[in-house]
Protein backbone atom coordinates (compact mmCIF):
# COMPACT_ATOMS: atom_id res chain seq x y z
CA UNK A 1 -22.45 -11.15 6.94
CA UNK A 2 -23.83 -12.87 10.29
CA UNK A 3 -24.29 -16.24 8.28
CA UNK A 4 -27.84 -16.59 10.14
CA UNK A 5 -28.99 -13.95 8.79
CA UNK A 6 -28.35 -15.17 5.39
CA UNK A 7 -29.49 -18.29 6.51
CA UNK A 8 -32.84 -16.92 7.22
CA UNK A 9 -32.93 -14.95 3.67
CA UNK A 10 -32.46 -17.97 1.75
CA UNK A 11 -35.35 -19.81 3.31
CA UNK A 12 -37.77 -17.07 2.46
CA UNK A 13 -36.63 -16.66 -0.77
CA UNK A 14 -36.57 -20.51 -1.86
CA UNK A 15 -39.49 -21.42 -3.40
CA UNK A 16 -41.57 -25.09 -2.92
CA UNK A 17 -41.49 -27.65 -4.99
CA UNK A 18 -45.24 -28.58 -5.78
CA UNK A 19 -46.80 -31.42 -3.93
CA UNK A 20 -49.52 -34.20 -5.85
CA UNK A 21 -51.30 -37.24 -5.01
CA UNK A 22 -49.75 -40.50 -6.44
CA UNK A 23 -49.77 -39.90 -10.42
CA UNK A 24 -50.40 -42.70 -13.36
CA UNK A 25 -47.06 -43.30 -15.44
CA UNK A 26 -48.45 -41.25 -17.93
CA UNK A 27 -49.15 -38.23 -16.03
CA UNK A 28 -46.08 -38.33 -13.76
CA UNK A 29 -44.08 -38.56 -17.35
CA UNK A 30 -45.43 -35.65 -19.28
CA UNK A 31 -45.65 -33.24 -16.47
CA UNK A 32 -42.62 -34.30 -14.76
CA UNK A 33 -40.28 -36.07 -16.25
CA UNK A 34 -40.22 -34.59 -19.67
CA UNK A 35 -39.78 -30.73 -18.91
CA UNK A 36 -37.36 -32.09 -16.04
CA UNK A 37 -39.66 -30.39 -13.14
CA UNK A 38 -39.15 -31.67 -9.63
CA UNK A 39 -42.31 -32.84 -7.61
CA UNK A 40 -43.02 -34.25 -4.00
CA UNK A 41 -45.64 -37.19 -4.63
CA UNK A 42 -47.18 -37.59 -1.29
CA UNK A 43 -47.65 -40.70 0.56
CA UNK A 44 -46.39 -42.58 -2.71
CA UNK A 45 -44.50 -44.58 -0.69
CA UNK A 46 -47.07 -46.02 1.68
CA UNK A 47 -47.52 -49.08 -0.83
CA UNK A 48 -44.04 -50.07 -0.35
CA UNK A 49 -43.56 -53.66 1.91
CA UNK A 50 -40.72 -51.44 4.09
CA UNK A 51 -43.49 -48.91 5.50
CA UNK A 52 -45.16 -51.86 6.55
CA UNK A 53 -42.81 -54.62 7.89
CA UNK A 54 -39.15 -52.48 8.42
CA UNK A 55 -39.00 -52.65 12.30
CA UNK A 56 -35.54 -53.28 13.69
CA UNK A 57 -36.37 -56.52 14.71
CA UNK A 58 -37.30 -57.38 11.32
CA UNK A 59 -34.13 -55.72 9.68
CA UNK A 60 -31.65 -57.39 11.92
CA UNK A 61 -33.37 -60.77 11.36
CA UNK A 62 -33.61 -60.91 7.83
CA UNK A 63 -30.05 -59.28 7.17
CA UNK A 64 -28.71 -58.46 10.31
CA UNK A 65 -25.37 -60.73 9.77
CA UNK A 66 -24.30 -58.96 6.31
CA UNK A 67 -21.20 -56.43 5.98
CA UNK A 68 -21.97 -53.11 4.70
CA UNK A 69 -19.89 -50.23 4.36
CA UNK A 70 -20.66 -47.62 6.59
CA UNK A 71 -19.56 -43.94 6.28
CA UNK A 72 -18.35 -41.87 9.25
CA UNK A 73 -17.88 -37.93 9.55
CA UNK A 74 -16.33 -35.77 11.93
CA UNK A 75 -18.66 -32.69 11.26
CA UNK A 76 -22.15 -34.68 10.35
CA UNK A 77 -21.50 -33.74 6.63
CA UNK A 78 -21.69 -36.46 3.75
CA UNK A 79 -20.70 -36.85 0.18
CA UNK A 80 -17.59 -34.76 0.57
CA UNK A 81 -15.20 -34.48 -2.04
CA UNK A 82 -11.65 -35.78 -0.66
CA UNK A 83 -13.17 -37.62 2.06
CA UNK A 84 -15.43 -39.95 -0.26
CA UNK A 85 -14.40 -43.76 0.18
CA UNK A 86 -12.34 -42.93 2.43
CA UNK A 87 -14.04 -42.08 6.05
CA UNK A 88 -15.68 -45.42 6.00
CA UNK A 89 -15.50 -48.57 8.11
CA UNK A 90 -16.94 -51.83 7.63
CA UNK A 91 -19.85 -53.89 10.32
CA UNK A 92 -22.53 -55.94 9.98
CA UNK A 93 -26.13 -54.59 9.42
CA UNK A 94 -27.45 -55.73 12.13
CA UNK A 95 -24.71 -53.35 14.47
CA UNK A 96 -25.68 -50.69 12.71
CA UNK A 97 -29.19 -51.27 13.11
CA UNK A 98 -28.54 -50.76 16.64
CA UNK A 99 -26.76 -47.45 16.63
CA UNK A 100 -29.24 -45.68 14.65
CA UNK A 101 -31.36 -47.14 17.96
CA UNK A 102 -29.34 -46.45 20.71
CA UNK A 103 -26.39 -44.10 19.32
CA UNK A 104 -25.30 -40.83 20.70
CA UNK A 105 -26.98 -38.35 18.30
CA UNK A 106 -24.61 -35.23 20.50
CA UNK A 107 -21.39 -37.24 19.47
CA UNK A 108 -18.90 -35.70 17.31
CA UNK A 109 -18.30 -38.48 14.49
CA UNK A 110 -21.67 -39.58 13.19
CA UNK A 111 -21.96 -42.52 11.10
CA UNK A 112 -24.26 -43.45 8.01
CA UNK A 113 -25.50 -45.91 5.93
CA UNK A 114 -25.17 -44.17 2.53
CA UNK A 115 -26.15 -45.42 -1.13
CA UNK A 116 -26.24 -49.00 -0.42
CA UNK A 117 -26.87 -51.63 -3.06
CA UNK A 118 -29.49 -53.07 -1.70
CA UNK A 119 -29.47 -56.27 -4.71
CA UNK A 120 -25.75 -56.47 -3.58
CA UNK A 121 -25.12 -55.95 0.22
CA UNK A 122 -29.20 -56.49 1.24
CA UNK A 123 -30.57 -58.82 -1.04
CA UNK A 124 -33.22 -60.02 1.64
CA UNK A 125 -34.84 -56.49 1.70
CA UNK A 126 -35.03 -55.73 -2.14
CA UNK A 127 -38.48 -57.36 -2.22
CA UNK A 128 -39.50 -54.36 0.14
CA UNK A 129 -38.60 -51.67 -2.08
CA UNK A 130 -39.67 -52.51 -5.42
CA UNK A 131 -40.13 -49.59 -8.03
CA UNK A 132 -42.90 -47.35 -7.73
CA UNK A 133 -45.44 -48.68 -10.89
CA UNK A 134 -45.47 -44.63 -12.05
CA UNK A 135 -42.28 -44.88 -12.74
CA UNK A 136 -40.96 -44.54 -16.35
CA UNK A 137 -39.75 -48.02 -18.29
CA UNK A 138 -36.08 -46.75 -18.30
CA UNK A 139 -33.19 -48.16 -20.61
CA UNK A 140 -31.39 -48.41 -17.39
CA UNK A 141 -32.90 -48.53 -13.85
CA UNK A 142 -30.35 -48.67 -10.98
CA UNK A 143 -31.18 -51.13 -7.90
CA UNK A 144 -33.31 -49.64 -5.20
CA UNK A 145 -30.41 -47.73 -2.90
CA UNK A 146 -30.70 -47.53 1.04
CA UNK A 147 -29.83 -44.50 3.41
CA UNK A 148 -30.38 -44.58 7.15
CA UNK A 149 -29.07 -42.33 9.57
CA UNK A 150 -29.15 -41.25 13.03
CA UNK A 151 -30.51 -37.48 12.45
CA UNK A 152 -28.84 -34.16 12.24
CA UNK A 153 -26.38 -34.95 9.15
CA UNK A 154 -25.91 -33.65 5.64
CA UNK A 155 -25.37 -34.31 1.91
CA UNK A 156 -23.07 -31.70 0.07
CA UNK A 157 -24.87 -29.97 -2.22
CA UNK A 158 -24.39 -31.73 -5.84
CA UNK A 159 -26.11 -33.35 -8.92
CA UNK A 160 -26.74 -36.88 -10.37
CA UNK A 161 -26.56 -37.79 -13.90
CA UNK A 162 -29.48 -39.65 -13.17
CA UNK A 163 -33.28 -39.52 -12.85
CA UNK A 164 -34.03 -39.81 -9.60
CA UNK A 165 -36.97 -40.85 -7.16
CA UNK A 166 -36.25 -40.61 -3.49
CA UNK A 167 -38.44 -41.85 -1.07
CA UNK A 168 -38.95 -41.53 3.16
CA UNK A 169 -39.53 -44.65 5.21
CA UNK A 170 -39.53 -43.28 8.21
CA UNK A 171 -38.18 -39.93 9.88
CA UNK A 172 -37.56 -36.12 8.01
CA UNK A 173 -35.74 -34.72 5.30
CA UNK A 174 -35.15 -31.29 4.60
CA UNK A 175 -34.11 -30.83 1.06
CA UNK A 176 -33.09 -27.80 -1.10
CA UNK A 177 -32.62 -28.19 -4.89
CA UNK A 178 -31.35 -25.67 -7.61
CA UNK A 179 -32.14 -25.68 -11.45
CA UNK A 180 -28.84 -26.75 -13.66
CA UNK A 181 -28.86 -23.74 -15.15
CA UNK A 182 -27.65 -22.25 -11.71
CA UNK A 183 -24.13 -24.57 -12.17
CA UNK A 184 -22.40 -20.78 -12.08
CA UNK A 185 -23.93 -19.97 -9.11
CA UNK A 186 -23.15 -22.84 -7.29
CA UNK A 187 -19.32 -22.88 -7.56
CA UNK A 188 -18.60 -26.59 -8.28
CA UNK A 189 -15.53 -28.25 -8.58
CA UNK A 190 -14.65 -27.41 -12.27
CA UNK A 191 -10.64 -27.72 -11.87
CA UNK A 192 -11.66 -31.47 -10.83
CA UNK A 193 -12.84 -33.76 -13.01
CA UNK A 194 -13.81 -36.31 -10.50
CA UNK A 195 -15.51 -34.22 -8.32
CA UNK A 196 -17.67 -31.81 -11.09
CA UNK A 197 -20.79 -32.56 -9.40
CA UNK A 198 -20.21 -31.19 -6.04
CA UNK A 199 -20.57 -27.78 -5.10
CA UNK A 200 -17.89 -26.11 -2.73
CA UNK A 201 -20.37 -24.38 -0.63
CA UNK A 202 -21.47 -25.35 2.78
CA UNK A 203 -24.95 -24.54 2.70
CA UNK A 204 -25.12 -24.83 6.27
CA UNK A 205 -23.28 -21.36 6.75
CA UNK A 206 -22.98 -19.83 3.37
CA UNK A 207 -19.75 -17.79 2.99
CA UNK A 208 -20.95 -14.84 0.71
CA UNK A 209 -18.04 -12.86 0.78
CA UNK A 210 -15.81 -16.01 -0.73
CA UNK A 211 -19.06 -17.26 -2.78
CA UNK A 212 -21.51 -14.13 -3.53
CA UNK A 213 -23.05 -15.39 -6.72
CA UNK A 214 -24.71 -17.56 -4.35
CA UNK A 215 -27.53 -15.11 -4.09
CA UNK A 216 -28.02 -15.06 -7.91
CA UNK A 217 -29.80 -18.74 -7.15
CA UNK A 218 -33.29 -19.74 -7.09
CA UNK A 219 -33.31 -22.18 -4.21
CA UNK A 220 -36.26 -24.29 -4.03
CA UNK A 221 -36.98 -27.11 -0.96
CA UNK A 222 -39.33 -29.38 0.38
CA UNK A 223 -39.30 -31.53 3.50
CA UNK A 224 -40.34 -34.94 2.90
CA UNK A 225 -41.89 -36.90 5.33
CA UNK A 226 -42.25 -40.52 5.92
CA UNK A 227 -44.18 -42.19 2.82
CA UNK A 228 -43.35 -39.38 0.63
CA UNK A 229 -41.19 -39.60 -2.72
CA UNK A 230 -39.34 -36.49 -4.18
CA UNK A 231 -38.55 -36.81 -8.06
CA UNK A 232 -35.23 -34.89 -8.54
CA UNK A 233 -34.35 -34.56 -12.26
CA UNK A 234 -31.22 -35.17 -13.92
CA UNK A 235 -28.70 -32.53 -13.34
CA UNK A 236 -31.00 -30.87 -10.55
CA UNK A 237 -28.56 -29.75 -7.91
CA UNK A 238 -29.77 -30.84 -4.20
CA UNK A 239 -28.98 -30.99 -0.45
CA UNK A 240 -29.96 -33.20 2.01
CA UNK A 241 -30.19 -32.41 5.94
CA UNK A 242 -31.94 -35.29 7.92
CA UNK A 243 -34.18 -34.41 11.30
CA UNK A 244 -34.46 -37.49 13.33
CA UNK A 245 -33.96 -40.95 12.73
CA UNK A 246 -34.47 -41.23 9.74
CA UNK A 247 -34.39 -44.32 6.84
CA UNK A 248 -35.03 -43.78 2.89
CA UNK A 249 -34.49 -45.73 -0.44
CA UNK A 250 -34.02 -44.31 -3.82
CA UNK A 251 -34.20 -45.65 -7.44
CA UNK A 252 -31.87 -44.08 -9.94
CA UNK A 253 -32.27 -44.27 -13.74
CA UNK A 254 -31.36 -42.98 -17.05
CA UNK A 255 -33.95 -41.47 -19.14
CA UNK A 256 -35.77 -43.41 -22.32
CA UNK A 257 -37.88 -45.48 -22.75
CA UNK A 258 -36.73 -49.64 -23.37
């Protein structure tokens, strides 16, 4: 079967994720966290200092001297089991900001600032990404993480063991999600305990001859734009594709009131 035909059919079957205005903490918990349902919260990140202040000049002046781990990929796919932690270089944050502005999008090798613990690597920026007020008071709340890319990159289909609020600071991301019940249809690495959170599928070009149960899965999707926040419940599989220069932050937490 022609992969492009498969992709078009896939998009036609995907269900749009609900979008809402910024909720109260009680509404967010009752309607989405407790039943574990994803939701797009439109414009909820527009109050973050990052939205107002994060120009290239500001970022370089505030934290340009800091050294950060930078992932690279030969095929624009990231979070690939077997390559995690290996395809990596270290450089200054300021040099990476310059790469975002002047790098070659058509280059075979793509660089990505992925899952950067701001508290550890870029403490000067932490005050610009304060946790949204509707987020639950959790037993464990991870520090804000930073994601920055030049565009056209993707993160392999996977799930997390944490609830997740994912906020777009700039750019756009097309995100496809699947509920936990679809695990069998998504062909996880069950024989590799370290990679069990990842799918064997390549959603850019899904191979239905090898993975026929994929057609039984129930995809959900959204396009996240500047200022939007996506709630991804624990256990929901997600695949992210970036469009244009993109900057995002996220907060992971383990559900439960302190």
